[in-house]
Amino acid sequence: MIRYFLLLGLFSVCACGQTEKTNNDNYKKVFFIDSVEVEKSALKKYDPSEISSISELKIEKDRVELIYIETIKFQKYRYWKYLSEKSEEYLKLVPNYNEDSYVQYIINGKVLKRDFESTLSSIDDVTFLDIKFIDRETLKNDYNISDKSNGVVIRTIGSVPN
């Protein structure tokens, strides 16, 4: 829900005619969508429901404000690529990054229900411990989940962002 308000705020900045070079703090704004630098006008091409995360970094010395926007599609590809490199079984279970709607992800015992792409895409070699797979019956018995056919159980060091 917060991503909608953040994106709405960014759209409002575009609509108000504020220049890309400066904002009220005299910072030059630089926008990135899925790791590619874009003009502010590119933000209008995205529906808020396509956005998974927005982060901002101000560099005081250079008076630059970097705004990083990642789409759900981009983050899905990132975690799919990482997990498929870690496990051949995962690649067989999810042969394409857009084919995991029947899979329930569980991290450190926590069932991921909604807006989980950012959480999964934050897993890396520093945090990843292991991955295992559970069937429909185990999902139902252990997690009370009946609308998915497979579970992907991931263990990490420490917690991962929600």
C-alpha atoms as a PDB file:
ATOM      1  CA  MET A   1       0.000   0.000   0.000  1.00  0.00           C
ATOM      2  CA  ILE A   2       2.831   2.392   0.806  1.00  0.00           C
ATOM      3  CA  ARG A   3       4.262   1.914  -2.690  1.00  0.00           C
ATOM      4  CA  TYR A   4       1.039   3.371  -4.109  1.00  0.00           C
ATOM      5  CA  PHE A   5       1.422   6.554  -2.079  1.00  0.00           C
ATOM      6  CA  LEU A   6       5.111   6.880  -2.909  1.00  0.00           C
ATOM      7  CA  LEU A   7       4.486   6.392  -6.593  1.00  0.00           C
ATOM      8  CA  LEU A   8       1.517   8.755  -6.463  1.00  0.00           C
ATOM      9  CA  GLY A   9       3.841  11.332  -4.886  1.00  0.00           C
ATOM     10  CA  LEU A  10       6.372  10.845  -7.659  1.00  0.00           C
ATOM     11  CA  PHE A  11       3.625  11.197 -10.286  1.00  0.00           C
ATOM     12  CA  SER A  12       2.462  14.371  -8.584  1.00  0.00           C
ATOM     13  CA  VAL A  13       5.966  15.792  -8.818  1.00  0.00           C
ATOM     14  CA  CYS A  14       5.916  15.048 -12.552  1.00  0.00           C
ATOM     15  CA  ALA A  15       2.467  16.560 -12.997  1.00  0.00           C
ATOM     16  CA  CYS A  16       3.404  19.760 -11.187  1.00  0.00           C
ATOM     17  CA  GLY A  17       6.120  20.496 -13.707  1.00  0.00           C
ATOM     18  CA  GLN A  18       8.965  20.371 -11.240  1.00  0.00           C
ATOM     19  CA  THR A  19      12.226  20.055 -13.130  1.00  0.00           C
ATOM     20  CA  GLU A  20      14.318  16.931 -13.044  1.00  0.00           C
ATOM     21  CA  LYS A  21      17.335  18.911 -12.055  1.00  0.00           C
ATOM     22  CA  THR A  22      16.244  20.213  -8.692  1.00  0.00           C
ATOM     23  CA  ASN A  23      13.653  19.881  -5.980  1.00  0.00           C
ATOM     24  CA  ASN A  24      12.894  22.060  -2.986  1.00  0.00           C
ATOM     25  CA  ASP A  25      16.212  21.092  -1.363  1.00  0.00           C
ATOM     26  CA  ASN A  26      18.169  22.002  -4.500  1.00  0.00           C
ATOM     27  CA  TYR A  27      18.998  18.349  -5.191  1.00  0.00           C
ATOM     28  CA  LYS A  28      19.297  17.000  -8.695  1.00  0.00           C
ATOM     29  CA  LYS A  29      16.906  14.038  -8.947  1.00  0.00           C
ATOM     30  CA  VAL A  30      18.082  10.980 -10.836  1.00  0.00           C
ATOM     31  CA  PHE A  31      15.558   8.208 -11.441  1.00  0.00           C
ATOM     32  CA  PHE A  32      16.250   4.497 -11.955  1.00  0.00           C
ATOM     33  CA  ILE A  33      13.647   1.920 -12.904  1.00  0.00           C
ATOM     34  CA  ASP A  34      14.844  -1.672 -12.691  1.00  0.00           C
ATOM     35  CA  SER A  35      18.472  -0.494 -12.506  1.00  0.00           C
ATOM     36  CA  VAL A  36      18.238   1.633 -15.643  1.00  0.00           C
ATOM     37  CA  GLU A  37      18.497   5.414 -15.450  1.00  0.00           C
ATOM     38  CA  VAL A  38      15.376   7.034 -16.883  1.00  0.00           C
ATOM     39  CA  GLU A  39      13.862  10.466 -17.344  1.00  0.00           C
ATOM     40  CA  LYS A  40      11.186  11.441 -14.857  1.00  0.00           C
ATOM     41  CA  SER A  41       8.581  11.240 -17.619  1.00  0.00           C
ATOM     42  CA  ALA A  42       9.124   7.445 -17.771  1.00  0.00           C
ATOM     43  CA  LEU A  43       7.335   7.140 -14.425  1.00  0.00           C
ATOM     44  CA  LYS A  44       4.033   7.840 -16.156  1.00  0.00           C
ATOM     45  CA  LYS A  45       4.326   4.544 -18.040  1.00  0.00           C
ATOM     46  CA  TYR A  46       3.922   2.475 -14.866  1.00  0.00           C
ATOM     47  CA  ASP A  47       0.798   1.594 -12.978  1.00  0.00           C
ATOM     48  CA  PRO A  48       1.336   1.637  -9.190  1.00  0.00           C
ATOM     49  CA  SER A  49       0.346  -2.045  -9.043  1.00  0.00           C
ATOM     50  CA  GLU A  50       3.478  -2.867 -11.114  1.00  0.00           C
ATOM     51  CA  ILE A  51       5.835  -1.330  -8.536  1.00  0.00           C
ATOM     52  CA  SER A  52       7.352  -3.467  -5.807  1.00  0.00           C
ATOM     53  CA  SER A  53       9.728  -1.050  -4.097  1.00  0.00           C
ATOM     54  CA  ILE A  54      10.914   2.531  -4.086  1.00  0.00           C
ATOM     55  CA  SER A  55      14.026   3.674  -2.283  1.00  0.00           C
ATOM     56  CA  GLU A  56      15.762   6.996  -2.100  1.00  0.00           C
ATOM     57  CA  LEU A  57      19.341   7.985  -1.467  1.00  0.00           C
ATOM     58  CA  LYS A  58      20.504  11.558  -1.011  1.00  0.00           C
ATOM     59  CA  ILE A  59      24.146  12.339  -1.618  1.00  0.00           C
ATOM     60  CA  GLU A  60      24.798  15.544   0.288  1.00  0.00           C
ATOM     61  CA  LYS A  61      28.229  16.247  -1.165  1.00  0.00           C
ATOM     62  CA  ASP A  62      26.984  16.202  -4.753  1.00  0.00           C
ATOM     63  CA  ARG A  63      23.462  17.452  -3.974  1.00  0.00           C
ATOM     64  CA  VAL A  64      22.023  14.469  -5.825  1.00  0.00           C
ATOM     65  CA  GLU A  65      18.924  12.483  -4.910  1.00  0.00           C
ATOM     66  CA  LEU A  66      18.830   8.979  -6.381  1.00  0.00           C
ATOM     67  CA  ILE A  67      15.412   7.368  -6.620  1.00  0.00           C
ATOM     68  CA  TYR A  68      15.411   3.622  -7.256  1.00  0.00           C
ATOM     69  CA  ILE A  69      12.193   1.997  -8.377  1.00  0.00           C
ATOM     70  CA  GLU A  70      11.889  -1.730  -8.904  1.00  0.00           C
ATOM     71  CA  THR A  71       8.978  -3.427 -10.595  1.00  0.00           C
ATOM     72  CA  ILE A  72       7.427  -6.671  -9.419  1.00  0.00           C
ATOM     73  CA  LYS A  73       8.504  -8.311 -12.682  1.00  0.00           C
ATOM     74  CA  PHE A  74      12.129  -7.253 -12.146  1.00  0.00           C
ATOM     75  CA  GLN A  75      12.215  -8.564  -8.578  1.00  0.00           C
ATOM     76  CA  LYS A  76      10.478 -11.820  -9.545  1.00  0.00           C
ATOM     77  CA  TYR A  77      13.148 -12.419 -12.168  1.00  0.00           C
ATOM     78  CA  ARG A  78      15.901 -11.625  -9.664  1.00  0.00           C
ATOM     79  CA  TYR A  79      14.751 -14.118  -7.013  1.00  0.00           C
ATOM     80  CA  TRP A  80      13.838 -16.748  -9.614  1.00  0.00           C
ATOM     81  CA  LYS A  81      17.322 -16.515 -11.155  1.00  0.00           C
ATOM     82  CA  TYR A  82      19.006 -16.714  -7.759  1.00  0.00           C
ATOM     83  CA  LEU A  83      16.949 -19.655  -6.493  1.00  0.00           C
ATOM     84  CA  SER A  84      17.197 -21.543  -9.794  1.00  0.00           C
ATOM     85  CA  GLU A  85      20.995 -21.237  -9.609  1.00  0.00           C
ATOM     86  CA  LYS A  86      20.935 -22.585  -6.051  1.00  0.00           C
ATOM     87  CA  SER A  87      18.648 -25.532  -6.758  1.00  0.00           C
ATOM     88  CA  GLU A  88      17.983 -27.647  -9.823  1.00  0.00           C
ATOM     89  CA  GLU A  89      14.828 -28.870  -8.104  1.00  0.00           C
ATOM     90  CA  TYR A  90      13.570 -25.274  -7.885  1.00  0.00           C
ATOM     91  CA  LEU A  91      14.265 -24.785 -11.597  1.00  0.00           C
ATOM     92  CA  LYS A  92      12.246 -27.926 -12.381  1.00  0.00           C
ATOM     93  CA  LEU A  93       9.421 -26.779 -10.121  1.00  0.00           C
ATOM     94  CA  VAL A  94       9.457 -23.205 -11.470  1.00  0.00           C
ATOM     95  CA  PRO A  95      10.883 -23.329 -15.017  1.00  0.00           C
ATOM     96  CA  ASN A  96      10.128 -19.649 -15.704  1.00  0.00           C
ATOM     97  CA  TYR A  97      10.038 -16.629 -13.398  1.00  0.00           C
ATOM     98  CA  ASN A  98       6.378 -15.988 -14.200  1.00  0.00           C
ATOM     99  CA  GLU A  99       5.279 -19.535 -13.369  1.00  0.00           C
ATOM    100  CA  ASP A 100       5.265 -19.588  -9.578  1.00  0.00           C
ATOM    101  CA  SER A 101       1.618 -18.746  -8.833  1.00  0.00           C
ATOM    102  CA  TYR A 102       1.002 -22.300  -7.579  1.00  0.00           C
ATOM    103  CA  VAL A 103       3.982 -22.119  -5.192  1.00  0.00           C
ATOM    104  CA  GLN A 104       3.831 -20.976  -1.577  1.00  0.00           C
ATOM    105  CA  TYR A 105       7.046 -19.367  -0.345  1.00  0.00           C
ATOM    106  CA  ILE A 106       7.992 -19.770   3.311  1.00  0.00           C
ATOM    107  CA  ILE A 107      11.044 -18.066   4.800  1.00  0.00           C
ATOM    108  CA  ASN A 108      12.333 -19.012   8.237  1.00  0.00           C
ATOM    109  CA  GLY A 109       8.940 -20.488   9.068  1.00  0.00           C
ATOM    110  CA  LYS A 110       7.002 -17.379   7.963  1.00  0.00           C
ATOM    111  CA  VAL A 111       4.454 -17.838   5.198  1.00  0.00           C
ATOM    112  CA  LEU A 112       4.768 -15.070   2.591  1.00  0.00           C
ATOM    113  CA  LYS A 113       1.276 -14.038   1.557  1.00  0.00           C
ATOM    114  CA  ARG A 114       1.305 -10.745  -0.378  1.00  0.00           C
ATOM    115  CA  ASP A 115       3.851  -8.340  -1.811  1.00  0.00           C
ATOM    116  CA  PHE A 116       6.664 -10.804  -1.139  1.00  0.00           C
ATOM    117  CA  GLU A 117       8.776 -10.096  -4.226  1.00  0.00           C
ATOM    118  CA  SER A 118      10.976  -7.567  -2.459  1.00  0.00           C
ATOM    119  CA  THR A 119      11.549  -9.980   0.419  1.00  0.00           C
ATOM    120  CA  LEU A 120      12.579 -12.847  -1.857  1.00  0.00           C
ATOM    121  CA  SER A 121      14.735 -10.654  -4.074  1.00  0.00           C
ATOM    122  CA  SER A 122      16.714  -9.502  -1.031  1.00  0.00           C
ATOM    123  CA  ILE A 123      18.082 -13.025  -0.438  1.00  0.00           C
ATOM    124  CA  ASP A 124      21.714 -13.366  -1.441  1.00  0.00           C
ATOM    125  CA  ASP A 125      24.799 -15.449  -0.710  1.00  0.00           C
ATOM    126  CA  VAL A 126      25.313 -13.664   2.603  1.00  0.00           C
ATOM    127  CA  THR A 127      21.845 -14.541   3.948  1.00  0.00           C
ATOM    128  CA  PHE A 128      20.944 -17.776   2.125  1.00  0.00           C
ATOM    129  CA  LEU A 129      21.306 -21.055   4.045  1.00  0.00           C
ATOM    130  CA  ASP A 130      19.221 -23.649   2.234  1.00  0.00           C
ATOM    131  CA  ILE A 131      16.068 -24.446   0.335  1.00  0.00           C
ATOM    132  CA  LYS A 132      13.708 -27.409   0.504  1.00  0.00           C
ATOM    133  CA  PHE A 133      10.417 -28.328  -1.077  1.00  0.00           C
ATOM    134  CA  ILE A 134       7.174 -29.591   0.373  1.00  0.00           C
ATOM    135  CA  ASP A 135       4.105 -31.086  -1.271  1.00  0.00           C
ATOM    136  CA  ARG A 136       0.438 -30.078  -1.113  1.00  0.00           C
ATOM    137  CA  GLU A 137      -0.329 -32.385   1.812  1.00  0.00           C
ATOM    138  CA  THR A 138       2.496 -30.988   3.944  1.00  0.00           C
ATOM    139  CA  LEU A 139       1.440 -27.431   3.063  1.00  0.00           C
ATOM    140  CA  LYS A 140      -2.070 -28.188   4.260  1.00  0.00           C
ATOM    141  CA  ASN A 141      -1.071 -30.091   7.400  1.00  0.00           C
ATOM    142  CA  ASP A 142       1.810 -27.885   8.577  1.00  0.00           C
ATOM    143  CA  TYR A 143       0.761 -24.438   7.317  1.00  0.00           C
ATOM    144  CA  ASN A 144      -3.006 -24.713   6.719  1.00  0.00           C
ATOM    145  CA  ILE A 145      -2.535 -23.758   3.050  1.00  0.00           C
ATOM    146  CA  SER A 146      -4.778 -25.495   0.548  1.00  0.00           C
ATOM    147  CA  ASP A 147      -4.687 -23.210  -2.515  1.00  0.00           C
ATOM    148  CA  LYS A 148      -1.087 -24.021  -3.573  1.00  0.00           C
ATOM    149  CA  SER A 149       0.344 -27.277  -4.877  1.00  0.00           C
ATOM    150  CA  ASN A 150       3.942 -26.892  -3.673  1.00  0.00           C
ATOM    151  CA  GLY A 151       5.865 -25.116  -0.964  1.00  0.00           C
ATOM    152  CA  VAL A 152       9.328 -23.619  -1.215  1.00  0.00           C
ATOM    153  CA  VAL A 153      10.866 -23.403   2.248  1.00  0.00           C
ATOM    154  CA  ILE A 154      13.892 -21.144   2.485  1.00  0.00           C
ATOM    155  CA  ARG A 155      16.143 -20.701   5.489  1.00  0.00           C
ATOM    156  CA  THR A 156      18.269 -17.593   5.829  1.00  0.00           C
ATOM    157  CA  ILE A 157      20.675 -16.166   8.362  1.00  0.00           C
ATOM    158  CA  GLY A 158      18.791 -13.615  10.397  1.00  0.00           C
ATOM    159  CA  SER A 159      15.580 -12.103   9.170  1.00  0.00           C
ATOM    160  CA  VAL A 160      14.857 -10.806   5.727  1.00  0.00           C
ATOM    161  CA  PRO A 161      12.981  -7.570   5.058  1.00  0.00           C
ATOM    162  CA  ASN A 162       9.188  -7.778   4.910  1.00  0.00           C
END
